[in-house]
């Protein structure tokens, strides 16, 4: 009998049968004498993950991302899904007499056996999900393992009565290209990067699952944006509307702010943790008060964010606004120049010796400009000449890409000790300038005019560690500015960094009389 929805918009799912199978075989984590029962939130996520097309019976989702706050239960949830993928009714097998979908296990009725992998970038991380599943199987003297006919070893699992396997794998060991993978958990993908082999491992696992009509599920905390992790790349794929990716995430309705009162922060935690009754909200609030706010947002409020890797706190930037007139003729200043060709914006920023910055000129693509529009280089050159004519420029730092010819000409005109090429693509050079800039804002040594365009760019900028393995809070860790995952422009922020660096490193005024020129 064909599928018959019981209410408008209902989608068939094998998840209901999976939930029944779980309760019939697995024990509750906190009381092994009772059957395993998901919370309502977790159960509905199982149902959604196993949703199928009402005509073809194919799964609606080929990939999943289980992104939740710390303590919510990502690893136990994924462990149960692994056990079900090994033994449960997870393959579509038609419709029953009432038009409800029926499932069967892998390795039955002529379909291939289950091959499941729990993958991580290190051996310790595979323990998150594997150990949670092993504990369920070994409870009650191994009653669940015997009932499901699983040989549950401490390093791998095997089915006793038919082929079926579950193995942990790591990026160092790799997952061999071409394995007949039916399901994989990609554990803690906010830690999977290009440098540690995580991005490559994710690609191999997904390809191996695709050829078997298998699927993959990530578990992750809210990822730090701008580091290119697998979790971040998946979030980007979801935001771009790529088909077949289920993103499961409980988030607060509004991004929490550090100055919120305790009752409002607690309400946000209630939104994030839902019916996870084991979470002590008051204890988490106490811990939140002891940690960097960016970490609190990611780990406990499940907010990925630019806030976690944001270069500048909006309130701090706003507090450094000083409404001042542009400096008088002859004032000694530093200049920062960040140039583009057509798509990004071009900025010439000035900064006084006491750390106040303002945009001298800005060139951006006009609204409605065609594809042939280019930054007017002659205008830029005239603006630089006017700045040198009006002010006593002690140093000008210029980011050279696409503007090397003009910068070389400015060096000839104004001197190589004054005009300096400063390549922001060289982290060892750019990171110290970013550190000085952020410290200046933090301490109040660097103030600004409040220009709306510069402000937008500053607040769009994210941080990337120069050495990704270093701890974010290590005092020796250095960062550079990058675009956030949304790709918003940051040219004004880069130019501000350069202008402040120029002003703070320029030599003392050499011609005192010029400062009083009208």
Protein backbone atom coordinates (compact mmCIF):
# COMPACT_ATOMS: atom_id res chain seq x y z
CA UNK A 1 0.00 0.00 0.00
CA UNK A 2 1.41 3.45 -0.90
CA UNK A 3 2.35 6.04 1.70
CA UNK A 4 -0.55 7.84 3.33
CA UNK A 5 0.29 10.95 5.38
CA UNK A 6 -1.75 11.28 8.55
CA UNK A 7 -1.47 15.05 8.48
CA UNK A 8 -0.47 17.66 5.86
CA UNK A 9 3.26 17.89 5.32
CA UNK A 10 4.10 14.61 7.06
CA UNK A 11 7.08 12.78 5.57
CA UNK A 12 7.64 9.01 5.95
CA UNK A 13 10.58 7.92 8.07
CA UNK A 14 12.29 4.71 9.07
CA UNK A 15 13.16 6.50 12.30
CA UNK A 16 10.08 5.27 14.17
CA UNK A 17 11.15 1.67 13.63
CA UNK A 18 14.70 2.58 14.65
CA UNK A 19 13.43 4.08 17.93
CA UNK A 20 11.46 0.91 18.69
CA UNK A 21 14.52 -1.23 17.94
CA UNK A 22 16.66 0.90 20.25
CA UNK A 23 14.26 0.61 23.18
CA UNK A 24 13.89 -3.13 22.62
CA UNK A 25 17.62 -3.85 22.80
CA UNK A 26 19.66 -1.10 24.47
CA UNK A 27 19.75 -0.09 28.14
CA UNK A 28 19.34 3.41 29.52
CA UNK A 29 22.77 5.02 30.11
CA UNK A 30 21.94 6.04 33.69
CA UNK A 31 20.06 2.84 34.66
CA UNK A 32 20.96 -0.31 32.79
CA UNK A 33 17.87 -2.10 34.13
CA UNK A 34 15.63 0.21 32.07
CA UNK A 35 15.26 0.46 28.29
CA UNK A 36 16.98 3.20 26.36
CA UNK A 37 14.65 6.12 25.63
CA UNK A 38 15.78 9.23 23.77
CA UNK A 39 14.55 12.62 24.92
CA UNK A 40 11.84 14.05 22.68
CA UNK A 41 14.36 16.38 21.01
CA UNK A 42 16.80 13.57 20.30
CA UNK A 43 14.07 11.20 19.10
CA UNK A 44 12.70 13.73 16.63
CA UNK A 45 16.23 14.19 15.26
CA UNK A 46 16.44 10.41 14.70
CA UNK A 47 13.12 10.51 12.86
CA UNK A 48 14.27 13.41 10.68
CA UNK A 49 17.61 11.73 9.89
CA UNK A 50 15.80 8.63 8.62
CA UNK A 51 13.22 10.54 6.54
CA UNK A 52 12.61 9.04 3.11
CA UNK A 53 11.01 10.06 -0.18
CA UNK A 54 7.37 8.91 -0.18
CA UNK A 55 7.63 7.65 -3.76
CA UNK A 56 11.12 6.17 -4.14
CA UNK A 57 11.90 5.28 -0.53
CA UNK A 58 15.31 6.95 -0.85
CA UNK A 59 16.73 8.86 2.10
CA UNK A 60 16.22 12.60 1.92
CA UNK A 61 19.62 13.24 3.51
CA UNK A 62 23.00 11.88 2.41
CA UNK A 63 24.98 13.81 5.02
CA UNK A 64 24.21 15.04 8.50
CA UNK A 65 25.75 17.45 10.98
CA UNK A 66 24.87 17.01 14.65
CA UNK A 67 26.04 20.36 16.05
CA UNK A 68 25.16 20.80 19.70
CA UNK A 69 26.47 22.40 22.86
CA UNK A 70 28.83 20.57 25.19
CA UNK A 71 27.08 18.00 27.33
CA UNK A 72 23.96 17.77 25.15
CA UNK A 73 24.74 14.14 24.25
CA UNK A 74 26.16 14.20 20.72
CA UNK A 75 28.46 11.21 21.24
CA UNK A 76 25.88 8.89 22.90
CA UNK A 77 23.35 9.87 20.22
CA UNK A 78 25.83 9.04 17.45
CA UNK A 79 26.85 5.81 19.21
CA UNK A 80 23.26 4.57 19.20
CA UNK A 81 22.96 5.44 15.49
CA UNK A 82 26.12 3.39 14.85
CA UNK A 83 24.66 0.37 16.65
CA UNK A 84 21.46 0.74 14.64
CA UNK A 85 23.36 1.04 11.36
CA UNK A 86 25.12 -2.21 12.26
CA UNK A 87 22.04 -4.18 13.33
CA UNK A 88 18.82 -2.17 12.99
CA UNK A 89 16.08 -1.66 10.35
CA UNK A 90 17.83 1.16 8.51
CA UNK A 91 17.42 0.07 4.85
CA UNK A 92 14.08 0.74 3.15
CA UNK A 93 12.13 -2.48 2.52
CA UNK A 94 8.76 -1.28 1.25
CA UNK A 95 5.45 -0.34 2.86
CA UNK A 96 3.28 -2.24 5.31
CA UNK A 97 -0.47 -2.79 5.06
CA UNK A 98 -1.11 0.66 6.56
CA UNK A 99 1.17 2.44 4.12
CA UNK A 100 3.95 2.94 6.66
CA UNK A 101 7.61 2.39 5.69
CA UNK A 102 9.38 -0.80 6.75
CA UNK A 103 13.13 -1.23 7.21
CA UNK A 104 15.57 -4.11 7.26
CA UNK A 105 19.21 -4.38 8.37
CA UNK A 106 22.24 -4.20 6.12
CA UNK A 107 23.50 -7.64 5.10
CA UNK A 108 20.02 -9.18 4.69
CA UNK A 109 17.96 -10.10 1.62
CA UNK A 110 20.99 -9.91 -0.62
CA UNK A 111 22.11 -6.37 0.20
CA UNK A 112 25.74 -5.71 1.21
CA UNK A 113 26.84 -6.06 4.84
CA UNK A 114 27.24 -3.07 7.10
CA UNK A 115 30.67 -1.46 7.15
CA UNK A 116 30.74 1.37 9.67
CA UNK A 117 33.59 3.63 10.68
CA UNK A 118 33.91 6.03 13.59
CA UNK A 119 36.48 8.52 12.34
CA UNK A 120 38.50 11.25 14.03
CA UNK A 121 41.79 13.05 13.54
CA UNK A 122 43.35 11.30 16.52
CA UNK A 123 42.92 7.97 18.28
CA UNK A 124 41.76 9.61 21.51
CA UNK A 125 38.92 11.39 19.71
CA UNK A 126 37.48 8.16 18.28
CA UNK A 127 36.83 7.17 21.89
CA UNK A 128 34.09 9.80 22.23
CA UNK A 129 31.54 7.79 20.26
CA UNK A 130 33.08 4.31 20.35
CA UNK A 131 33.31 4.20 24.16
CA UNK A 132 29.73 5.42 24.56
CA UNK A 133 28.49 2.62 22.32
CA UNK A 134 30.67 -0.02 23.96
CA UNK A 135 29.30 0.92 27.38
CA UNK A 136 25.74 0.32 26.17
CA UNK A 137 26.64 -3.02 24.61
CA UNK A 138 28.53 -4.29 27.66
CA UNK A 139 25.95 -3.22 30.27
CA UNK A 140 24.09 -5.95 32.14
CA UNK A 141 26.91 -8.40 31.51
CA UNK A 142 26.79 -7.77 27.77
CA UNK A 143 23.07 -8.41 27.40
CA UNK A 144 22.60 -5.92 24.54
CA UNK A 145 25.62 -7.26 22.66
CA UNK A 146 24.29 -10.83 22.98
CA UNK A 147 20.76 -9.82 21.97
CA UNK A 148 22.05 -8.02 18.89
CA UNK A 149 24.67 -10.73 18.20
CA UNK A 150 27.58 -8.28 18.28
CA UNK A 151 31.09 -9.33 19.24
CA UNK A 152 31.82 -6.02 20.97
CA UNK A 153 35.59 -5.83 21.31
CA UNK A 154 37.47 -2.95 22.86
CA UNK A 155 38.97 -1.99 19.49
CA UNK A 156 36.30 -3.08 16.96
CA UNK A 157 32.89 -4.74 16.65
CA UNK A 158 31.80 -7.69 14.52
CA UNK A 159 28.43 -9.34 13.92
CA UNK A 160 28.37 -12.99 14.97
CA UNK A 161 25.77 -14.41 12.58
CA UNK A 162 26.42 -12.52 9.35
CA UNK A 163 29.04 -10.16 7.93
CA UNK A 164 28.99 -6.72 9.49
CA UNK A 165 31.76 -4.57 10.92
CA UNK A 166 32.47 -1.39 12.86
CA UNK A 167 36.00 0.04 13.10
CA UNK A 168 37.48 3.27 14.47
CA UNK A 169 39.77 5.06 11.98
CA UNK A 170 41.97 8.14 12.23
CA UNK A 171 43.44 10.63 9.82
CA UNK A 172 46.93 9.23 10.46
CA UNK A 173 45.83 5.70 9.58
CA UNK A 174 43.47 6.93 6.92
CA UNK A 175 40.38 5.35 5.43
CA UNK A 176 41.36 3.46 2.31
CA UNK A 177 39.86 4.90 -0.86
CA UNK A 178 37.23 2.56 -2.26
CA UNK A 179 36.08 0.78 0.91
CA UNK A 180 32.42 -0.31 0.79
CA UNK A 181 31.30 2.04 3.54
CA UNK A 182 27.63 2.05 4.58
CA UNK A 183 27.85 4.59 7.40
CA UNK A 184 30.43 6.77 9.13
CA UNK A 185 30.50 9.11 12.09
CA UNK A 186 32.90 12.02 11.59
CA UNK A 187 33.61 12.88 15.22
CA UNK A 188 34.38 16.43 16.43
CA UNK A 189 34.77 17.93 12.96
CA UNK A 190 35.43 21.39 14.41
CA UNK A 191 38.94 19.94 14.92
CA UNK A 192 39.31 18.51 11.37
CA UNK A 193 41.60 20.73 9.32
CA UNK A 194 43.69 20.54 6.18
CA UNK A 195 46.86 20.50 8.27
CA UNK A 196 45.92 17.43 10.34
CA UNK A 197 44.46 15.45 7.46
CA UNK A 198 40.85 15.98 8.49
CA UNK A 199 39.64 17.59 5.27
CA UNK A 200 41.13 14.79 3.19
CA UNK A 201 39.71 12.10 5.49
CA UNK A 202 36.21 13.62 5.26
CA UNK A 203 36.41 13.51 1.47
CA UNK A 204 37.47 9.85 1.42
CA UNK A 205 34.71 8.80 3.82
CA UNK A 206 32.01 10.62 1.88
CA UNK A 207 33.13 9.15 -1.45
CA UNK A 208 33.26 5.64 0.00
CA UNK A 209 29.76 6.02 1.44
CA UNK A 210 28.35 7.53 -1.76
CA UNK A 211 29.07 4.48 -3.91
CA UNK A 212 27.21 2.23 -1.43
CA UNK A 213 24.27 4.62 -1.03
CA UNK A 214 25.57 4.99 2.51
CA UNK A 215 25.62 8.12 4.61
CA UNK A 216 27.81 10.11 6.99
CA UNK A 217 27.05 12.03 10.17
CA UNK A 218 29.29 14.68 11.71
CA UNK A 219 29.34 15.53 15.40
CA UNK A 220 30.68 18.93 16.33
CA UNK A 221 30.54 21.88 18.64
CA UNK A 222 29.87 25.22 16.99
CA UNK A 223 33.01 25.66 14.86
CA UNK A 224 35.45 28.55 15.05
CA UNK A 225 34.91 30.41 11.80
CA UNK A 226 37.78 31.24 9.52
CA UNK A 227 39.94 28.16 10.19
CA UNK A 228 38.66 26.05 7.28
CA UNK A 229 37.59 23.11 9.44
CA UNK A 230 35.32 20.38 8.08
CA UNK A 231 32.53 21.63 10.37
CA UNK A 232 32.90 25.15 8.99
CA UNK A 233 32.91 23.89 5.40
CA UNK A 234 29.76 21.87 6.11
CA UNK A 235 28.06 24.92 7.63
CA UNK A 236 28.95 26.86 4.50
CA UNK A 237 27.52 24.09 2.29
CA UNK A 238 24.26 24.23 4.26
CA UNK A 239 24.08 28.02 3.99
CA UNK A 240 24.61 27.73 0.22
CA UNK A 241 21.63 25.39 0.00
CA UNK A 242 23.45 22.28 -1.15
CA UNK A 243 20.99 19.40 -1.35
CA UNK A 244 20.83 16.43 0.99
CA UNK A 245 22.56 17.84 4.08
CA UNK A 246 20.70 17.76 7.40
CA UNK A 247 21.97 20.30 9.91
CA UNK A 248 20.77 19.51 13.43
CA UNK A 249 21.49 22.37 15.83
CA UNK A 250 19.70 23.91 18.79
CA UNK A 251 20.59 27.61 19.00
CA UNK A 252 19.41 30.56 21.06
CA UNK A 253 16.88 32.76 19.28
CA UNK A 254 19.26 35.71 19.74
CA UNK A 255 23.04 35.65 20.05
CA UNK A 256 23.80 36.02 23.78
CA UNK A 257 25.76 39.04 24.91
CA UNK A 258 28.31 39.08 27.70
CA UNK A 259 26.54 41.88 29.57
CA UNK A 260 23.17 40.11 29.71
CA UNK A 261 21.80 39.48 33.21
CA UNK A 262 22.01 35.93 34.56
CA UNK A 263 18.32 35.14 34.07
CA UNK A 264 18.52 36.06 30.39
CA UNK A 265 21.66 33.97 29.87
CA UNK A 266 19.97 31.08 31.63
CA UNK A 267 16.96 31.39 29.32
CA UNK A 268 19.35 31.19 26.34
CA UNK A 269 20.85 27.99 27.81
CA UNK A 270 17.35 26.56 28.09
CA UNK A 271 16.85 27.19 24.38
CA UNK A 272 20.15 25.49 23.57
CA UNK A 273 19.82 22.43 25.80
CA UNK A 274 16.07 21.91 25.46
CA UNK A 275 14.97 18.77 27.28
CA UNK A 276 18.52 17.68 28.18
CA UNK A 277 17.46 17.52 31.83
CA UNK A 278 20.88 16.35 33.04
CA UNK A 279 22.49 19.71 32.29
CA UNK A 280 22.96 21.94 35.34
CA UNK A 281 22.38 25.39 33.84
CA UNK A 282 23.54 27.25 36.96
CA UNK A 283 26.85 25.39 36.99
CA UNK A 284 27.41 26.23 33.33
CA UNK A 285 26.73 29.91 34.01
CA UNK A 286 29.36 29.84 36.74
CA UNK A 287 31.89 28.30 34.34
CA UNK A 288 30.95 30.76 31.58
CA UNK A 289 31.98 33.61 33.86
CA UNK A 290 35.50 32.13 34.09
CA UNK A 291 36.21 31.71 30.36
CA UNK A 292 36.74 33.87 27.29
CA UNK A 293 33.36 34.94 25.91
CA UNK A 294 34.09 33.54 22.48
CA UNK A 295 34.62 30.07 23.97
CA UNK A 296 31.40 30.38 25.99
CA UNK A 297 29.45 31.23 22.84
CA UNK A 298 30.82 28.26 20.92
CA UNK A 299 30.81 25.55 23.55
CA UNK A 300 27.79 26.35 25.72
CA UNK A 301 25.53 28.61 23.64
CA UNK A 302 26.20 26.68 20.40
CA UNK A 303 26.90 29.87 18.46
CA UNK A 304 29.54 29.46 15.76
CA UNK A 305 30.39 32.65 15.01
CA UNK A 306 32.27 35.14 13.94
CA UNK A 307 31.94 36.07 17.55
CA UNK A 308 34.22 33.20 18.51
CA UNK A 309 36.95 34.37 16.12
CA UNK A 310 35.81 37.94 15.57
CA UNK A 311 38.71 40.33 15.30
CA UNK A 312 36.94 43.08 17.22
CA UNK A 313 34.14 43.20 19.75
CA UNK A 314 31.52 45.67 18.41
CA UNK A 315 31.00 47.31 21.77
CA UNK A 316 34.72 47.80 22.31
CA UNK A 317 35.16 49.30 18.84
CA UNK A 318 32.20 51.61 19.44
CA UNK A 319 33.64 52.73 22.77
CA UNK A 320 36.83 53.96 21.03
CA UNK A 321 35.00 56.41 18.76
CA UNK A 322 36.23 59.99 19.08
CA UNK A 323 34.45 62.70 17.10
CA UNK A 324 37.31 64.88 15.93
CA UNK A 325 38.00 67.07 12.94
CA UNK A 326 40.55 65.85 10.41
CA UNK A 327 44.07 66.88 11.56
CA UNK A 328 45.40 70.29 10.62
CA UNK A 329 47.84 70.83 7.83
CA UNK A 330 51.35 69.79 8.82
CA UNK A 331 50.29 67.24 11.43
CA UNK A 332 52.61 64.25 11.56
CA UNK A 333 50.70 61.10 10.63
CA UNK A 334 51.05 57.54 9.42
CA UNK A 335 49.29 56.28 6.31
CA UNK A 336 47.88 52.83 5.56
CA UNK A 337 47.00 51.73 2.04
CA UNK A 338 45.10 48.60 1.03
CA UNK A 339 44.32 48.46 -2.68
CA UNK A 340 42.09 46.31 -4.86
CA UNK A 341 41.31 46.13 -8.55
CA UNK A 342 37.54 45.95 -8.94
CA UNK A 343 35.63 43.73 -6.53
CA UNK A 344 36.97 44.71 -3.10
CA UNK A 345 37.41 48.26 -1.87
CA UNK A 346 40.50 50.47 -1.75
CA UNK A 347 41.34 52.54 1.30
CA UNK A 348 43.83 55.25 2.18
CA UNK A 349 43.72 55.60 5.99
CA UNK A 350 45.46 58.15 8.17
CA UNK A 351 46.47 57.84 11.82
CA UNK A 352 47.87 60.50 14.13
CA UNK A 353 50.79 59.99 16.49
CA UNK A 354 48.34 59.71 19.40
CA UNK A 355 46.57 56.79 17.68
CA UNK A 356 43.41 58.38 16.17
CA UNK A 357 42.56 57.05 12.70
CA UNK A 358 40.22 58.23 9.95
CA UNK A 359 39.68 57.40 6.24
CA UNK A 360 41.34 59.93 3.95
CA UNK A 361 39.80 58.39 0.83
CA UNK A 362 37.78 55.30 -0.05
CA UNK A 363 37.07 53.80 -3.46
CA UNK A 364 34.36 51.18 -3.81
CA UNK A 365 32.39 49.73 -6.69
CA UNK A 366 29.48 52.11 -7.43
CA UNK A 367 26.00 50.64 -7.32
CA UNK A 368 25.04 49.33 -10.73
CA UNK A 369 28.63 49.38 -12.04
CA UNK A 370 29.28 46.93 -14.85
CA UNK A 371 31.87 44.16 -14.94
CA UNK A 372 34.43 46.47 -16.56
CA UNK A 373 34.59 48.91 -13.63
CA UNK A 374 38.03 49.31 -12.08
CA UNK A 375 39.39 51.32 -9.17
CA UNK A 376 40.49 54.70 -10.68
CA UNK A 377 44.24 54.48 -10.22
CA UNK A 378 44.85 58.09 -11.24
CA UNK A 379 42.49 59.29 -8.49
CA UNK A 380 44.26 57.10 -5.98
CA UNK A 381 47.63 58.52 -6.98
CA UNK A 382 46.29 62.08 -6.66
CA UNK A 383 44.90 61.32 -3.20
CA UNK A 384 48.26 59.97 -2.04
CA UNK A 385 50.03 63.06 -3.40
CA UNK A 386 47.50 65.33 -1.66
CA UNK A 387 48.02 63.52 1.64
CA UNK A 388 51.78 63.98 1.42
CA UNK A 389 51.32 67.63 0.49
CA UNK A 390 48.95 68.36 3.39
CA UNK A 391 50.48 66.26 6.18
CA UNK A 392 53.91 65.44 7.54
CA UNK A 393 53.80 61.74 6.65
CA UNK A 394 56.25 59.89 8.88
CA UNK A 395 55.55 56.46 7.38
CA UNK A 396 53.22 54.88 4.80
CA UNK A 397 52.63 51.13 4.82
CA UNK A 398 51.21 49.68 1.60
CA UNK A 399 49.85 46.22 0.87
CA UNK A 400 51.48 45.54 -2.52
CA UNK A 401 49.28 43.03 -4.45
CA UNK A 402 48.05 44.61 -7.75
CA UNK A 403 49.58 48.00 -6.80
CA UNK A 404 53.29 47.28 -6.88
CA UNK A 405 54.01 49.66 -9.79
CA UNK A 406 52.31 52.61 -8.06
CA UNK A 407 53.94 51.82 -4.71
CA UNK A 408 57.39 51.70 -6.32
CA UNK A 409 56.67 55.15 -7.80
CA UNK A 410 55.63 56.48 -4.35
CA UNK A 411 58.87 55.10 -2.92
CA UNK A 412 60.84 57.03 -5.54
CA UNK A 413 58.89 60.21 -4.81
CA UNK A 414 58.81 60.16 -1.01
CA UNK A 415 61.70 57.93 -0.02
CA UNK A 416 62.14 54.25 0.80
CA UNK A 417 62.31 54.99 4.53
CA UNK A 418 58.86 56.61 4.38
CA UNK A 419 56.91 54.45 1.91
CA UNK A 420 57.24 50.75 2.74
CA UNK A 421 55.74 47.69 1.08
CA UNK A 422 54.00 45.67 3.78
CA UNK A 423 52.68 42.36 2.47
CA UNK A 424 49.73 41.27 4.61
CA UNK A 425 49.96 37.81 3.04
CA UNK A 426 53.12 37.25 5.09
CA UNK A 427 51.75 36.14 8.48
CA UNK A 428 55.04 36.63 10.32
CA UNK A 429 54.91 40.30 9.36
CA UNK A 430 51.17 40.97 9.48
CA UNK A 431 50.45 39.19 12.79
CA UNK A 432 52.55 41.57 14.98
CA UNK A 433 50.77 44.55 13.40
CA UNK A 434 47.37 42.96 14.05
CA UNK A 435 48.41 42.31 17.64
CA UNK A 436 49.47 45.95 18.13
CA UNK A 437 46.19 47.14 16.57
CA UNK A 438 43.98 44.91 18.75
CA UNK A 439 45.96 45.79 21.87
CA UNK A 440 45.68 49.48 21.01
CA UNK A 441 41.89 49.23 20.76
CA UNK A 442 41.73 47.15 23.93
CA UNK A 443 43.73 49.65 25.98
CA UNK A 444 42.31 52.80 24.40
CA UNK A 445 45.60 53.79 22.79
CA UNK A 446 43.96 53.48 19.37
CA UNK A 447 40.82 55.50 18.69
CA UNK A 448 38.96 56.22 15.46
CA UNK A 449 36.53 58.54 13.68
CA UNK A 450 33.61 56.10 13.62
CA UNK A 451 33.38 56.01 9.82
CA UNK A 452 30.53 53.64 8.92
CA UNK A 453 32.38 51.92 6.07
CA UNK A 454 35.52 51.28 8.10
CA UNK A 455 33.40 50.11 11.02
CA UNK A 456 31.55 47.63 8.82
CA UNK A 457 34.86 46.20 7.59
CA UNK A 458 36.36 46.02 11.08
CA UNK A 459 33.34 44.17 12.45
CA UNK A 460 33.35 41.78 9.47
CA UNK A 461 36.98 40.77 9.99
CA UNK A 462 37.75 37.40 11.56
CA UNK A 463 40.96 36.04 13.07
CA UNK A 464 43.07 33.13 11.91
CA UNK A 465 45.89 31.71 13.98
CA UNK A 466 49.31 31.83 12.36
CA UNK A 467 50.02 28.41 13.89
CA UNK A 468 46.73 26.48 13.99
CA UNK A 469 47.85 24.04 16.68
CA UNK A 470 48.46 26.77 19.23
CA UNK A 471 45.90 27.41 21.97
CA UNK A 472 43.70 30.46 21.35
CA UNK A 473 44.45 31.78 24.82
CA UNK A 474 48.20 31.17 24.73
CA UNK A 475 49.79 34.57 25.18
CA UNK A 476 52.29 33.72 22.44
CA UNK A 477 49.63 32.85 19.85
CA UNK A 478 49.44 35.32 16.98
CA UNK A 479 46.61 36.01 14.55
CA UNK A 480 46.06 37.62 11.15
CA UNK A 481 42.89 39.19 9.78
CA UNK A 482 40.84 37.25 7.25
CA UNK A 483 37.40 37.48 5.74
CA UNK A 484 34.69 35.70 7.69
CA UNK A 485 32.90 32.70 6.18
CA UNK A 486 30.35 35.07 4.66
CA UNK A 487 33.07 36.73 2.58
CA UNK A 488 32.31 40.30 3.68
CA UNK A 489 34.91 42.91 2.75
CA UNK A 490 37.60 43.82 5.30
CA UNK A 491 39.82 46.21 3.28
CA UNK A 492 39.03 49.11 5.61
CA UNK A 493 40.12 47.03 8.60
CA UNK A 494 43.40 46.06 6.93
CA UNK A 495 44.13 49.67 6.01
CA UNK A 496 43.39 50.73 9.59
CA UNK A 497 45.86 48.16 10.90
CA UNK A 498 48.50 49.48 8.50
CA UNK A 499 47.83 53.13 9.35
CA UNK A 500 48.07 52.46 13.09
CA UNK A 501 51.24 50.42 12.63
CA UNK A 502 52.72 53.23 10.51
CA UNK A 503 51.88 55.87 13.11
CA UNK A 504 53.27 53.82 15.98
CA UNK A 505 56.55 52.98 14.22
CA UNK A 506 57.29 56.21 12.33
CA UNK A 507 60.37 58.15 13.45
CA UNK A 508 59.92 61.31 15.53
CA UNK A 509 59.07 64.59 13.82
CA UNK A 510 62.11 65.97 12.09
CA UNK A 511 60.86 69.42 11.10
CA UNK A 512 59.14 71.05 14.04
CA UNK A 513 58.36 74.25 12.12
CA UNK A 514 56.24 72.38 9.59
CA UNK A 515 53.77 71.36 12.27
CA UNK A 516 52.72 75.01 12.63
CA UNK A 517 52.29 75.70 8.92
CA UNK A 518 48.81 76.93 8.11
